[in-house]
Amino acid sequence: MNNAFEIILITGGANSGKSKWGEYLALRSQKPVVYIATAQKDESDEEWTQKILEHQQRRPKNWHTLEIPLFLADSIEQIKEDNCILIDSLGTWVANWLEKDELTWQKEVTKLRSSLANNSHHIILIAEETGLGVVPAYSSGRLFRSRLGKLSQLVGGLANNVYLTIGGYGIDVSKIGLKLSEIEPII
């Protein structure tokens, strides 16, 4: 992970080790780490507050943390080039944009895509895997699943490596799979 520029996507289910794997890869980069937390604190939600605290306590003290719930592309573009950027997580970022209309959402996704495609950083993005189970009962759940699934495909298409965390393992699926963005559609 010592290239001049690299994008890594880590995806997996809840509590599968995505963040730990991302933190490990960030440490391995041997670059200063900028950790972008997309979560918004909610002191009334004790469980959420505890999860954020666990993440904070696990991170090395010398990592610079930015709390960026909305404007990821702008944040990426403002960070010095000789850093490793760890973004945790795209699912929370999507949730923060859920109440915005589709046009506004698409504009922000386009900005993020451009920022990722034209960057010169090591960027590690964490994304929750959705859609492996029941179809959400509510339209907001289906919208979340759709937006996050499409965003994960977009980022995966740009990524040098894509990892799936499952059962305590980080599996490099980019070594054993085919990039969907590079295959011919079947007509």
Foldseek 3Di string as FASTA:
>chain_A
DAAQEFEEEEEEAPPLCLLVVLLVVQVVNVFAEEEEEQDDDDVVDPVVVVVVVVSVVVHDPRHHYDHHNEQPLVVLVPDDSRHEYEYPAVLSSLVSCLVPDPVVVVVSLVSNLVSRLPGRHNYYYYAYQDDPDDQDPDPSSNSSNVVRVVSSLSSLLSGPWYWYRHPNDTHTVVVVHDNPVPDDDDD
